[in-house]
Amino acid sequence: MPLLLRLRRLVLLLTALAAVAGCGGTASKADEETARNTLACQASGERIVVRFETDEARLLMPGGERVTLYQVPSGSGIRYTNGMMDLRGKGTDLQLARDGSALVPLTGCAPLAVPK
């Protein structure tokens, strides 16, 4: 194989490797902002992920069910509901109720870590 052809292939291979290497790595600013607005919590030993958006909270339940709650006025702290589920609290001190049952504390709530 002529030297010039081998050099071209080597340049193409190195260019492709550089492009692939640039795809991974650091999280984008959008990913970091999402992580700041997302909490991973525990309820009765199961993980619940809560993501706060403008006027709503989106929950990822332990079984994979996705639930959207809408912000409603609260005397103190936050309150989100969809009529069947209710999320209340202040900061990372949150409680969740389902179908009118008693509020269950969400423990260990912490910002979701962005992979680096």
PDB file of N, CA and C in Angstrom:
ATOM      1  N   MET A   1       0.857  -1.164   0.000  1.00  0.00           N
ATOM      2  CA  MET A   1       0.000   0.000   0.000  1.00  0.00           C
ATOM      3  C   MET A   1       0.906   1.231   0.000  1.00  0.00           C
ATOM      4  N   PRO A   2       0.674   2.196  -0.902  1.00  0.00           N
ATOM      5  CA  PRO A   2       1.507   3.390  -0.995  1.00  0.00           C
ATOM      6  C   PRO A   2       1.456   4.189   0.310  1.00  0.00           C
ATOM      7  N   LEU A   3       2.533   4.869   0.615  1.00  0.00           N
ATOM      8  CA  LEU A   3       2.666   5.656   1.844  1.00  0.00           C
ATOM      9  C   LEU A   3       1.614   6.752   1.921  1.00  0.00           C
ATOM     10  N   LEU A   4       1.326   7.440   0.830  1.00  0.00           N
ATOM     11  CA  LEU A   4       0.336   8.521   0.831  1.00  0.00           C
ATOM     12  C   LEU A   4      -1.056   7.993   1.201  1.00  0.00           C
ATOM     13  N   LEU A   5      -1.435   6.842   0.707  1.00  0.00           N
ATOM     14  CA  LEU A   5      -2.736   6.258   1.024  1.00  0.00           C
ATOM     15  C   LEU A   5      -2.813   5.876   2.503  1.00  0.00           C
ATOM     16  N   ARG A   6      -1.723   5.332   3.058  1.00  0.00           N
ATOM     17  CA  ARG A   6      -1.694   4.985   4.481  1.00  0.00           C
ATOM     18  C   ARG A   6      -1.799   6.233   5.345  1.00  0.00           C
ATOM     19  N   LEU A   7      -1.150   7.299   4.939  1.00  0.00           N
ATOM     20  CA  LEU A   7      -1.219   8.554   5.699  1.00  0.00           C
ATOM     21  C   LEU A   7      -2.638   9.124   5.678  1.00  0.00           C
ATOM     22  N   ARG A   8      -3.306   9.070   4.537  1.00  0.00           N
ATOM     23  CA  ARG A   8      -4.692   9.550   4.451  1.00  0.00           C
ATOM     24  C   ARG A   8      -5.597   8.762   5.386  1.00  0.00           C
ATOM     25  N   ARG A   9      -5.452   7.442   5.377  1.00  0.00           N
ATOM     26  CA  ARG A   9      -6.269   6.600   6.257  1.00  0.00           C
ATOM     27  C   ARG A   9      -5.987   6.910   7.722  1.00  0.00           C
ATOM     28  N   LEU A  10      -4.723   7.134   8.052  1.00  0.00           N
ATOM     29  CA  LEU A  10      -4.360   7.463   9.427  1.00  0.00           C
ATOM     30  C   LEU A  10      -4.973   8.798   9.841  1.00  0.00           C
ATOM     31  N   VAL A  11      -4.942   9.800   8.959  1.00  0.00           N
ATOM     32  CA  VAL A  11      -5.536  11.102   9.255  1.00  0.00           C
ATOM     33  C   VAL A  11      -7.045  10.968   9.443  1.00  0.00           C
ATOM     34  N   LEU A  12      -7.701  10.191   8.578  1.00  0.00           N
ATOM     35  CA  LEU A  12      -9.147   9.974   8.721  1.00  0.00           C
ATOM     36  C   LEU A  12      -9.484   9.261  10.030  1.00  0.00           C
ATOM     37  N   LEU A  13      -8.696   8.273  10.398  1.00  0.00           N
ATOM     38  CA  LEU A  13      -8.923   7.541  11.638  1.00  0.00           C
ATOM     39  C   LEU A  13      -8.749   8.461  12.846  1.00  0.00           C
ATOM     40  N   LEU A  14      -7.704   9.254  12.862  1.00  0.00           N
ATOM     41  CA  LEU A  14      -7.461  10.173  13.973  1.00  0.00           C
ATOM     42  C   LEU A  14      -8.554  11.243  14.070  1.00  0.00           C
ATOM     43  N   THR A  15      -9.031  11.719  12.923  1.00  0.00           N
ATOM     44  CA  THR A  15     -10.115  12.703  12.913  1.00  0.00           C
ATOM     45  C   THR A  15     -11.389  12.097  13.493  1.00  0.00           C
ATOM     46  N   ALA A  16     -11.697  10.876  13.105  1.00  0.00           N
ATOM     47  CA  ALA A  16     -12.890  10.198  13.624  1.00  0.00           C
ATOM     48  C   ALA A  16     -12.768   9.962  15.124  1.00  0.00           C
ATOM     49  N   LEU A  17     -11.609   9.546  15.587  1.00  0.00           N
ATOM     50  CA  LEU A  17     -11.402   9.337  17.023  1.00  0.00           C
ATOM     51  C   LEU A  17     -11.543  10.632  17.799  1.00  0.00           C
ATOM     52  N   ALA A  18     -11.026  11.722  17.275  1.00  0.00           N
ATOM     53  CA  ALA A  18     -11.149  13.013  17.944  1.00  0.00           C
ATOM     54  C   ALA A  18     -12.609  13.453  18.021  1.00  0.00           C
ATOM     55  N   ALA A  19     -13.363  13.210  16.977  1.00  0.00           N
ATOM     56  CA  ALA A  19     -14.786  13.583  16.974  1.00  0.00           C
ATOM     57  C   ALA A  19     -15.559  12.767  18.007  1.00  0.00           C
ATOM     58  N   VAL A  20     -15.286  11.480  18.104  1.00  0.00           N
ATOM     59  CA  VAL A  20     -15.966  10.627  19.074  1.00  0.00           C
ATOM     60  C   VAL A  20     -15.569  11.017  20.494  1.00  0.00           C
ATOM     61  N   ALA A  21     -14.323  11.326  20.717  1.00  0.00           N
ATOM     62  CA  ALA A  21     -13.860  11.720  22.050  1.00  0.00           C
ATOM     63  C   ALA A  21     -14.520  13.021  22.492  1.00  0.00           C
ATOM     64  N   GLY A  22     -14.818  13.908  21.583  1.00  0.00           N
ATOM     65  CA  GLY A  22     -15.455  15.176  21.922  1.00  0.00           C
ATOM     66  C   GLY A  22     -16.924  15.032  22.261  1.00  0.00           C
ATOM     67  N   CYS A  23     -17.539  13.890  21.961  1.00  0.00           N
ATOM     68  CA  CYS A  23     -18.972  13.688  22.230  1.00  0.00           C
ATOM     69  C   CYS A  23     -19.263  13.395  23.690  1.00  0.00           C
ATOM     70  N   GLY A  24     -18.371  12.794  24.411  1.00  0.00           N
ATOM     71  CA  GLY A  24     -18.623  12.417  25.800  1.00  0.00           C
ATOM     72  C   GLY A  24     -18.097  13.478  26.741  1.00  0.00           C
ATOM     73  N   GLY A  25     -18.097  13.137  28.022  1.00  0.00           N
ATOM     74  CA  GLY A  25     -17.441  14.018  28.973  1.00  0.00           C
ATOM     75  C   GLY A  25     -18.375  14.860  29.792  1.00  0.00           C
ATOM     76  N   THR A  26     -18.183  16.147  29.733  1.00  0.00           N
ATOM     77  CA  THR A  26     -18.840  17.050  30.668  1.00  0.00           C
ATOM     78  C   THR A  26     -20.322  17.236  30.367  1.00  0.00           C
ATOM     79  N   ALA A  27     -21.047  17.527  31.430  1.00  0.00           N
ATOM     80  CA  ALA A  27     -22.480  17.790  31.294  1.00  0.00           C
ATOM     81  C   ALA A  27     -22.690  19.198  30.762  1.00  0.00           C
ATOM     82  N   SER A  28     -23.748  19.381  29.998  1.00  0.00           N
ATOM     83  CA  SER A  28     -24.055  20.702  29.463  1.00  0.00           C
ATOM     84  C   SER A  28     -24.680  21.566  30.551  1.00  0.00           C
ATOM     85  N   LYS A  29     -24.761  22.860  30.299  1.00  0.00           N
ATOM     86  CA  LYS A  29     -25.391  23.769  31.261  1.00  0.00           C
ATOM     87  C   LYS A  29     -26.848  23.415  31.471  1.00  0.00           C
ATOM     88  N   ALA A  30     -27.521  22.978  30.411  1.00  0.00           N
ATOM     89  CA  ALA A  30     -28.924  22.575  30.536  1.00  0.00           C
ATOM     90  C   ALA A  30     -29.052  21.362  31.459  1.00  0.00           C
ATOM     91  N   ASP A  31     -28.125  20.388  31.343  1.00  0.00           N
ATOM     92  CA  ASP A  31     -28.134  19.224  32.217  1.00  0.00           C
ATOM     93  C   ASP A  31     -27.893  19.622  33.663  1.00  0.00           C
ATOM     94  N   GLU A  32     -26.975  20.545  33.877  1.00  0.00           N
ATOM     95  CA  GLU A  32     -26.679  21.015  35.234  1.00  0.00           C
ATOM     96  C   GLU A  32     -27.872  21.757  35.833  1.00  0.00           C
ATOM     97  N   GLU A  33     -28.569  22.564  35.039  1.00  0.00           N
ATOM     98  CA  GLU A  33     -29.746  23.288  35.510  1.00  0.00           C
ATOM     99  C   GLU A  33     -30.865  22.310  35.866  1.00  0.00           C
ATOM    100  N   THR A  34     -31.054  21.301  35.049  1.00  0.00           N
ATOM    101  CA  THR A  34     -32.059  20.284  35.330  1.00  0.00           C
ATOM    102  C   THR A  34     -31.734  19.563  36.633  1.00  0.00           C
ATOM    103  N   ALA A  35     -30.465  19.235  36.842  1.00  0.00           N
ATOM    104  CA  ALA A  35     -30.063  18.544  38.067  1.00  0.00           C
ATOM    105  C   ALA A  35     -30.307  19.410  39.298  1.00  0.00           C
ATOM    106  N   ARG A  36     -30.101  20.723  39.190  1.00  0.00           N
ATOM    107  CA  ARG A  36     -30.353  21.621  40.324  1.00  0.00           C
ATOM    108  C   ARG A  36     -31.830  21.635  40.698  1.00  0.00           C
ATOM    109  N   ASN A  37     -32.701  21.419  39.748  1.00  0.00           N
ATOM    110  CA  ASN A  37     -34.145  21.433  39.974  1.00  0.00           C
ATOM    111  C   ASN A  37     -34.715  20.039  40.207  1.00  0.00           C
ATOM    112  N   THR A  38     -33.860  19.042  40.371  1.00  0.00           N
ATOM    113  CA  THR A  38     -34.300  17.662  40.516  1.00  0.00           C
ATOM    114  C   THR A  38     -33.765  17.073  41.817  1.00  0.00           C
ATOM    115  N   LEU A  39     -34.660  16.453  42.583  1.00  0.00           N
ATOM    116  CA  LEU A  39     -34.281  15.821  43.839  1.00  0.00           C
ATOM    117  C   LEU A  39     -34.525  14.322  43.758  1.00  0.00           C
ATOM    118  N   ALA A  40     -33.606  13.560  44.306  1.00  0.00           N
ATOM    119  CA  ALA A  40     -33.789  12.122  44.465  1.00  0.00           C
ATOM    120  C   ALA A  40     -34.103  11.888  45.936  1.00  0.00           C
ATOM    121  N   CYS A  41     -35.240  11.244  46.219  1.00  0.00           N
ATOM    122  CA  CYS A  41     -35.713  11.040  47.591  1.00  0.00           C
ATOM    123  C   CYS A  41     -36.047   9.569  47.817  1.00  0.00           C
ATOM    124  N   GLN A  42     -36.282   9.242  49.071  1.00  0.00           N
ATOM    125  CA  GLN A  42     -36.727   7.908  49.455  1.00  0.00           C
ATOM    126  C   GLN A  42     -38.080   8.020  50.143  1.00  0.00           C
ATOM    127  N   ALA A  43     -38.985   7.118  49.847  1.00  0.00           N
ATOM    128  CA  ALA A  43     -40.281   7.023  50.524  1.00  0.00           C
ATOM    129  C   ALA A  43     -40.541   5.549  50.800  1.00  0.00           C
ATOM    130  N   SER A  44     -40.602   5.209  52.057  1.00  0.00           N
ATOM    131  CA  SER A  44     -40.821   3.807  52.454  1.00  0.00           C
ATOM    132  C   SER A  44     -39.806   2.880  51.792  1.00  0.00           C
ATOM    133  N   GLY A  45     -38.548   3.334  51.709  1.00  0.00           N
ATOM    134  CA  GLY A  45     -37.472   2.514  51.158  1.00  0.00           C
ATOM    135  C   GLY A  45     -37.387   2.474  49.647  1.00  0.00           C
ATOM    136  N   GLU A  46     -38.224   3.224  48.952  1.00  0.00           N
ATOM    137  CA  GLU A  46     -38.193   3.231  47.491  1.00  0.00           C
ATOM    138  C   GLU A  46     -37.832   4.626  46.988  1.00  0.00           C
ATOM    139  N   ARG A  47     -37.149   4.672  45.865  1.00  0.00           N
ATOM    140  CA  ARG A  47     -36.679   5.945  45.308  1.00  0.00           C
ATOM    141  C   ARG A  47     -37.779   6.643  44.514  1.00  0.00           C
ATOM    142  N   ILE A  48     -37.906   7.940  44.782  1.00  0.00           N
ATOM    143  CA  ILE A  48     -38.802   8.806  44.012  1.00  0.00           C
ATOM    144  C   ILE A  48     -37.973   9.998  43.553  1.00  0.00           C
ATOM    145  N   VAL A  49     -38.045  10.307  42.276  1.00  0.00           N
ATOM    146  CA  VAL A  49     -37.321  11.455  41.725  1.00  0.00           C
ATOM    147  C   VAL A  49     -38.340  12.560  41.462  1.00  0.00           C
ATOM    148  N   VAL A  50     -38.037  13.763  41.975  1.00  0.00           N
ATOM    149  CA  VAL A  50     -38.928  14.919  41.834  1.00  0.00           C
ATOM    150  C   VAL A  50     -38.195  15.992  41.048  1.00  0.00           C
ATOM    151  N   ARG A  51     -38.787  16.417  39.943  1.00  0.00           N
ATOM    152  CA  ARG A  51     -38.206  17.482  39.122  1.00  0.00           C
ATOM    153  C   ARG A  51     -39.164  18.668  39.132  1.00  0.00           C
ATOM    154  N   PHE A  52     -38.651  19.819  39.549  1.00  0.00           N
ATOM    155  CA  PHE A  52     -39.470  21.017  39.627  1.00  0.00           C
ATOM    156  C   PHE A  52     -39.306  21.842  38.355  1.00  0.00           C
ATOM    157  N   GLU A  53     -40.425  22.124  37.722  1.00  0.00           N
ATOM    158  CA  GLU A  53     -40.487  22.971  36.535  1.00  0.00           C
ATOM    159  C   GLU A  53     -41.343  24.180  36.887  1.00  0.00           C
ATOM    160  N   THR A  54     -41.510  25.110  35.971  1.00  0.00           N
ATOM    161  CA  THR A  54     -42.356  26.273  36.196  1.00  0.00           C
ATOM    162  C   THR A  54     -43.785  25.815  36.444  1.00  0.00           C
ATOM    163  N   ASP A  55     -44.302  26.093  37.626  1.00  0.00           N
ATOM    164  CA  ASP A  55     -45.679  25.794  38.030  1.00  0.00           C
ATOM    165  C   ASP A  55     -46.040  24.316  38.092  1.00  0.00           C
ATOM    166  N   GLU A  56     -45.070  23.416  38.057  1.00  0.00           N
ATOM    167  CA  GLU A  56     -45.383  22.004  38.193  1.00  0.00           C
ATOM    168  C   GLU A  56     -44.205  21.218  38.751  1.00  0.00           C
ATOM    169  N   ALA A  57     -44.528  20.055  39.289  1.00  0.00           N
ATOM    170  CA  ALA A  57     -43.527  19.104  39.758  1.00  0.00           C
ATOM    171  C   ALA A  57     -43.779  17.798  39.024  1.00  0.00           C
ATOM    172  N   ARG A  58     -42.731  17.207  38.502  1.00  0.00           N
ATOM    173  CA  ARG A  58     -42.853  15.938  37.781  1.00  0.00           C
ATOM    174  C   ARG A  58     -42.181  14.863  38.617  1.00  0.00           C
ATOM    175  N   LEU A  59     -42.909  13.799  38.885  1.00  0.00           N
ATOM    176  CA  LEU A  59     -42.408  12.727  39.720  1.00  0.00           C
ATOM    177  C   LEU A  59     -42.181  11.473  38.896  1.00  0.00           C
ATOM    178  N   LEU A  60     -41.096  10.784  39.196  1.00  0.00           N
ATOM    179  CA  LEU A  60     -40.828   9.467  38.644  1.00  0.00           C
ATOM    180  C   LEU A  60     -40.946   8.510  39.821  1.00  0.00           C
ATOM    181  N   MET A  61     -41.983   7.712  39.797  1.00  0.00           N
ATOM    182  CA  MET A  61     -42.298   6.826  40.902  1.00  0.00           C
ATOM    183  C   MET A  61     -41.469   5.539  40.810  1.00  0.00           C
ATOM    184  N   PRO A  62     -41.394   4.768  41.911  1.00  0.00           N
ATOM    185  CA  PRO A  62     -40.557   3.565  41.920  1.00  0.00           C
ATOM    186  C   PRO A  62     -40.874   2.568  40.813  1.00  0.00           C
ATOM    187  N   GLY A  63     -42.123   2.425  40.426  1.00  0.00           N
ATOM    188  CA  GLY A  63     -42.487   1.477  39.365  1.00  0.00           C
ATOM    189  C   GLY A  63     -42.291   2.014  37.964  1.00  0.00           C
ATOM    190  N   GLY A  64     -41.760   3.241  37.834  1.00  0.00           N
ATOM    191  CA  GLY A  64     -41.544   3.839  36.519  1.00  0.00           C
ATOM    192  C   GLY A  64     -42.676   4.747  36.074  1.00  0.00           C
ATOM    193  N   GLU A  65     -43.742   4.828  36.878  1.00  0.00           N
ATOM    194  CA  GLU A  65     -44.874   5.693  36.550  1.00  0.00           C
ATOM    195  C   GLU A  65     -44.448   7.158  36.640  1.00  0.00           C
ATOM    196  N   ARG A  66     -44.857   7.942  35.664  1.00  0.00           N
ATOM    197  CA  ARG A  66     -44.572   9.380  35.650  1.00  0.00           C
ATOM    198  C   ARG A  66     -45.841  10.125  36.049  1.00  0.00           C
ATOM    199  N   VAL A  67     -45.682  11.052  37.004  1.00  0.00           N
ATOM    200  CA  VAL A  67     -46.823  11.792  37.530  1.00  0.00           C
ATOM    201  C   VAL A  67     -46.507  13.281  37.448  1.00  0.00           C
ATOM    202  N   THR A  68     -47.457  14.074  36.964  1.00  0.00           N
ATOM    203  CA  THR A  68     -47.308  15.527  36.929  1.00  0.00           C
ATOM    204  C   THR A  68     -48.252  16.131  37.948  1.00  0.00           C
ATOM    205  N   LEU A  69     -47.703  16.993  38.807  1.00  0.00           N
ATOM    206  CA  LEU A  69     -48.473  17.716  39.806  1.00  0.00           C
ATOM    207  C   LEU A  69     -48.390  19.203  39.486  1.00  0.00           C
ATOM    208  N   TYR A  70     -49.454  19.925  39.778  1.00  0.00           N
ATOM    209  CA  TYR A  70     -49.522  21.347  39.440  1.00  0.00           C
ATOM    210  C   TYR A  70     -49.492  22.188  40.704  1.00  0.00           C
ATOM    211  N   GLN A  71     -48.747  23.279  40.643  1.00  0.00           N
ATOM    212  CA  GLN A  71     -48.586  24.136  41.808  1.00  0.00           C
ATOM    213  C   GLN A  71     -49.897  24.826  42.161  1.00  0.00           C
ATOM    214  N   VAL A  72     -50.217  24.826  43.447  1.00  0.00           N
ATOM    215  CA  VAL A  72     -51.401  25.510  43.968  1.00  0.00           C
ATOM    216  C   VAL A  72     -50.948  26.382  45.141  1.00  0.00           C
ATOM    217  N   PRO A  73     -51.748  27.403  45.483  1.00  0.00           N
ATOM    218  CA  PRO A  73     -51.360  28.274  46.594  1.00  0.00           C
ATOM    219  C   PRO A  73     -51.183  27.490  47.895  1.00  0.00           C
ATOM    220  N   SER A  74     -50.206  27.923  48.667  1.00  0.00           N
ATOM    221  CA  SER A  74     -49.918  27.292  49.943  1.00  0.00           C
ATOM    222  C   SER A  74     -49.675  28.387  50.975  1.00  0.00           C
ATOM    223  N   GLY A  75     -50.150  28.182  52.190  1.00  0.00           N
ATOM    224  CA  GLY A  75     -49.941  29.170  53.245  1.00  0.00           C
ATOM    225  C   GLY A  75     -48.469  29.333  53.570  1.00  0.00           C
ATOM    226  N   SER A  76     -47.720  28.251  53.482  1.00  0.00           N
ATOM    227  CA  SER A  76     -46.291  28.276  53.776  1.00  0.00           C
ATOM    228  C   SER A  76     -45.626  27.139  53.008  1.00  0.00           C
ATOM    229  N   GLY A  77     -44.511  27.389  52.398  1.00  0.00           N
ATOM    230  CA  GLY A  77     -43.811  26.358  51.637  1.00  0.00           C
ATOM    231  C   GLY A  77     -44.420  26.153  50.264  1.00  0.00           C
ATOM    232  N   ILE A  78     -44.296  24.905  49.783  1.00  0.00           N
ATOM    233  CA  ILE A  78     -44.794  24.574  48.440  1.00  0.00           C
ATOM    234  C   ILE A  78     -45.928  23.573  48.532  1.00  0.00           C
ATOM    235  N   ARG A  79     -46.752  23.561  47.521  1.00  0.00           N
ATOM    236  CA  ARG A  79     -47.792  22.537  47.399  1.00  0.00           C
ATOM    237  C   ARG A  79     -48.072  22.321  45.914  1.00  0.00           C
ATOM    238  N   TYR A  80     -48.045  21.049  45.516  1.00  0.00           N
ATOM    239  CA  TYR A  80     -48.361  20.629  44.157  1.00  0.00           C
ATOM    240  C   TYR A  80     -49.375  19.506  44.257  1.00  0.00           C
ATOM    241  N   THR A  81     -50.349  19.485  43.361  1.00  0.00           N
ATOM    242  CA  THR A  81     -51.352  18.435  43.385  1.00  0.00           C
ATOM    243  C   THR A  81     -51.896  18.169  41.979  1.00  0.00           C
ATOM    244  N   ASN A  82     -52.490  16.993  41.807  1.00  0.00           N
ATOM    245  CA  ASN A  82     -53.234  16.687  40.587  1.00  0.00           C
ATOM    246  C   ASN A  82     -54.611  16.131  40.937  1.00  0.00           C
ATOM    247  N   GLY A  83     -55.014  16.299  42.205  1.00  0.00           N
ATOM    248  CA  GLY A  83     -56.298  15.798  42.672  1.00  0.00           C
ATOM    249  C   GLY A  83     -56.222  14.414  43.289  1.00  0.00           C
ATOM    250  N   MET A  84     -55.236  13.618  42.862  1.00  0.00           N
ATOM    251  CA  MET A  84     -55.069  12.277  43.423  1.00  0.00           C
ATOM    252  C   MET A  84     -53.807  12.177  44.275  1.00  0.00           C
ATOM    253  N   MET A  85     -52.834  13.022  43.975  1.00  0.00           N
ATOM    254  CA  MET A  85     -51.561  13.011  44.684  1.00  0.00           C
ATOM    255  C   MET A  85     -51.228  14.437  45.104  1.00  0.00           C
ATOM    256  N   ASP A  86     -50.593  14.579  46.268  1.00  0.00           N
ATOM    257  CA  ASP A  86     -50.297  15.885  46.840  1.00  0.00           C
ATOM    258  C   ASP A  86     -48.862  15.897  47.337  1.00  0.00           C
ATOM    259  N   LEU A  87     -48.068  16.877  46.923  1.00  0.00           N
ATOM    260  CA  LEU A  87     -46.686  17.054  47.369  1.00  0.00           C
ATOM    261  C   LEU A  87     -46.607  18.378  48.111  1.00  0.00           C
ATOM    262  N   ARG A  88     -46.082  18.342  49.350  1.00  0.00           N
ATOM    263  CA  ARG A  88     -45.965  19.555  50.170  1.00  0.00           C
ATOM    264  C   ARG A  88     -44.601  19.601  50.808  1.00  0.00           C
ATOM    265  N   GLY A  89     -44.200  20.809  51.223  1.00  0.00           N
ATOM    266  CA  GLY A  89     -42.960  20.914  51.977  1.00  0.00           C
ATOM    267  C   GLY A  89     -42.264  22.241  51.818  1.00  0.00           C
ATOM    268  N   LYS A  90     -41.034  22.262  52.357  1.00  0.00           N
ATOM    269  CA  LYS A  90     -40.148  23.420  52.270  1.00  0.00           C
ATOM    270  C   LYS A  90     -38.747  22.901  51.962  1.00  0.00           C
ATOM    271  N   GLY A  91     -38.123  23.464  50.955  1.00  0.00           N
ATOM    272  CA  GLY A  91     -36.772  23.023  50.597  1.00  0.00           C
ATOM    273  C   GLY A  91     -36.740  21.554  50.262  1.00  0.00           C
ATOM    274  N   THR A  92     -35.873  20.797  50.953  1.00  0.00           N
ATOM    275  CA  THR A  92     -35.790  19.351  50.717  1.00  0.00           C
ATOM    276  C   THR A  92     -36.600  18.560  51.744  1.00  0.00           C
ATOM    277  N   ASP A  93     -37.343  19.244  52.607  1.00  0.00           N
ATOM    278  CA  ASP A  93     -38.228  18.596  53.583  1.00  0.00           C
ATOM    279  C   ASP A  93     -39.605  18.450  52.938  1.00  0.00           C
ATOM    280  N   LEU A  94     -39.841  17.310  52.291  1.00  0.00           N
ATOM    281  CA  LEU A  94     -41.052  17.104  51.494  1.00  0.00           C
ATOM    282  C   LEU A  94     -41.894  15.956  52.039  1.00  0.00           C
ATOM    283  N   GLN A  95     -43.206  16.040  51.794  1.00  0.00           N
ATOM    284  CA  GLN A  95     -44.136  14.962  52.130  1.00  0.00           C
ATOM    285  C   GLN A  95     -45.032  14.719  50.920  1.00  0.00           C
ATOM    286  N   LEU A  96     -45.431  13.446  50.764  1.00  0.00           N
ATOM    287  CA  LEU A  96     -46.249  13.049  49.628  1.00  0.00           C
ATOM    288  C   LEU A  96     -47.466  12.278  50.132  1.00  0.00           C
ATOM    289  N   ALA A  97     -48.632  12.613  49.613  1.00  0.00           N
ATOM    290  CA  ALA A  97     -49.863  11.885  49.933  1.00  0.00           C
ATOM    291  C   ALA A  97     -50.497  11.412  48.636  1.00  0.00           C
ATOM    292  N   ARG A  98     -51.104  10.220  48.695  1.00  0.00           N
ATOM    293  CA  ARG A  98     -51.755   9.650  47.518  1.00  0.00           C
ATOM    294  C   ARG A  98     -53.189   9.281  47.879  1.00  0.00           C
ATOM    295  N   ASP A  99     -54.128   9.695  47.029  1.00  0.00           N
ATOM    296  CA  ASP A  99     -55.544   9.375  47.191  1.00  0.00           C
ATOM    297  C   ASP A  99     -56.089   9.726  48.583  1.00  0.00           C
ATOM    298  N   GLY A 100     -55.705  10.883  49.099  1.00  0.00           N
ATOM    299  CA  GLY A 100     -56.226  11.357  50.375  1.00  0.00           C
ATOM    300  C   GLY A 100     -55.642  10.680  51.597  1.00  0.00           C
ATOM    301  N   SER A 101     -54.641   9.831  51.424  1.00  0.00           N
ATOM    302  CA  SER A 101     -54.025   9.163  52.579  1.00  0.00           C
ATOM    303  C   SER A 101     -53.142  10.150  53.339  1.00  0.00           C
ATOM    304  N   ALA A 102     -52.618   9.720  54.470  1.00  0.00           N
ATOM    305  CA  ALA A 102     -51.751  10.571  55.287  1.00  0.00           C
ATOM    306  C   ALA A 102     -50.475  10.913  54.525  1.00  0.00           C
ATOM    307  N   LEU A 103     -49.914  12.077  54.844  1.00  0.00           N
ATOM    308  CA  LEU A 103     -48.664  12.498  54.227  1.00  0.00           C
ATOM    309  C   LEU A 103     -47.535  11.561  54.645  1.00  0.00           C
ATOM    310  N   VAL A 104     -46.754  11.104  53.678  1.00  0.00           N
ATOM    311  CA  VAL A 104     -45.595  10.247  53.919  1.00  0.00           C
ATOM    312  C   VAL A 104     -44.352  11.093  53.700  1.00  0.00           C
ATOM    313  N   PRO A 105     -43.437  11.143  54.679  1.00  0.00           N
ATOM    314  CA  PRO A 105     -42.239  11.956  54.482  1.00  0.00           C
ATOM    315  C   PRO A 105     -41.329  11.371  53.400  1.00  0.00           C
ATOM    316  N   LEU A 106     -40.772  12.257  52.579  1.00  0.00           N
ATOM    317  CA  LEU A 106     -39.745  11.870  51.617  1.00  0.00           C
ATOM    318  C   LEU A 106     -38.414  12.148  52.296  1.00  0.00           C
ATOM    319  N   THR A 107     -37.624  11.116  52.499  1.00  0.00           N
ATOM    320  CA  THR A 107     -36.381  11.254  53.245  1.00  0.00           C
ATOM    321  C   THR A 107     -35.174  11.251  52.321  1.00  0.00           C
ATOM    322  N   GLY A 108     -34.081  11.791  52.836  1.00  0.00           N
ATOM    323  CA  GLY A 108     -32.822  11.777  52.093  1.00  0.00           C
ATOM    324  C   GLY A 108     -32.854  12.553  50.798  1.00  0.00           C
ATOM    325  N   CYS A 109     -33.743  13.523  50.679  1.00  0.00           N
ATOM    326  CA  CYS A 109     -33.844  14.286  49.428  1.00  0.00           C
ATOM    327  C   CYS A 109     -32.557  15.068  49.193  1.00  0.00           C
ATOM    328  N   ALA A 110     -31.999  14.874  48.018  1.00  0.00           N
ATOM    329  CA  ALA A 110     -30.766  15.562  47.648  1.00  0.00           C
ATOM    330  C   ALA A 110     -30.780  15.818  46.155  1.00  0.00           C
ATOM    331  N   PRO A 111     -30.103  16.891  45.716  1.00  0.00           N
ATOM    332  CA  PRO A 111     -30.046  17.160  44.275  1.00  0.00           C
ATOM    333  C   PRO A 111     -29.504  15.964  43.511  1.00  0.00           C
ATOM    334  N   LEU A 112     -30.083  15.705  42.377  1.00  0.00           N
ATOM    335  CA  LEU A 112     -29.658  14.606  41.527  1.00  0.00           C
ATOM    336  C   LEU A 112     -28.278  14.935  40.977  1.00  0.00           C
ATOM    337  N   ALA A 113     -27.344  13.996  41.084  1.00  0.00           N
ATOM    338  CA  ALA A 113     -25.984  14.211  40.618  1.00  0.00           C
ATOM    339  C   ALA A 113     -25.910  14.055  39.094  1.00  0.00           C
ATOM    340  N   VAL A 114     -25.241  14.979  38.442  1.00  0.00           N
ATOM    341  CA  VAL A 114     -25.033  14.903  36.990  1.00  0.00           C
ATOM    342  C   VAL A 114     -23.768  14.087  36.749  1.00  0.00           C
ATOM    343  N   PRO A 115     -23.844  13.043  35.919  1.00  0.00           N
ATOM    344  CA  PRO A 115     -22.633  12.272  35.621  1.00  0.00           C
ATOM    345  C   PRO A 115     -21.594  13.152  34.939  1.00  0.00           C
ATOM    346  N   LYS A 116     -20.356  12.952  35.321  1.00  0.00           N
ATOM    347  CA  LYS A 116     -19.269  13.757  34.737  1.00  0.00           C
ATOM    348  C   LYS A 116     -18.411  12.947  33.830  1.00  0.00           C
TER     349      LYS A 116
END
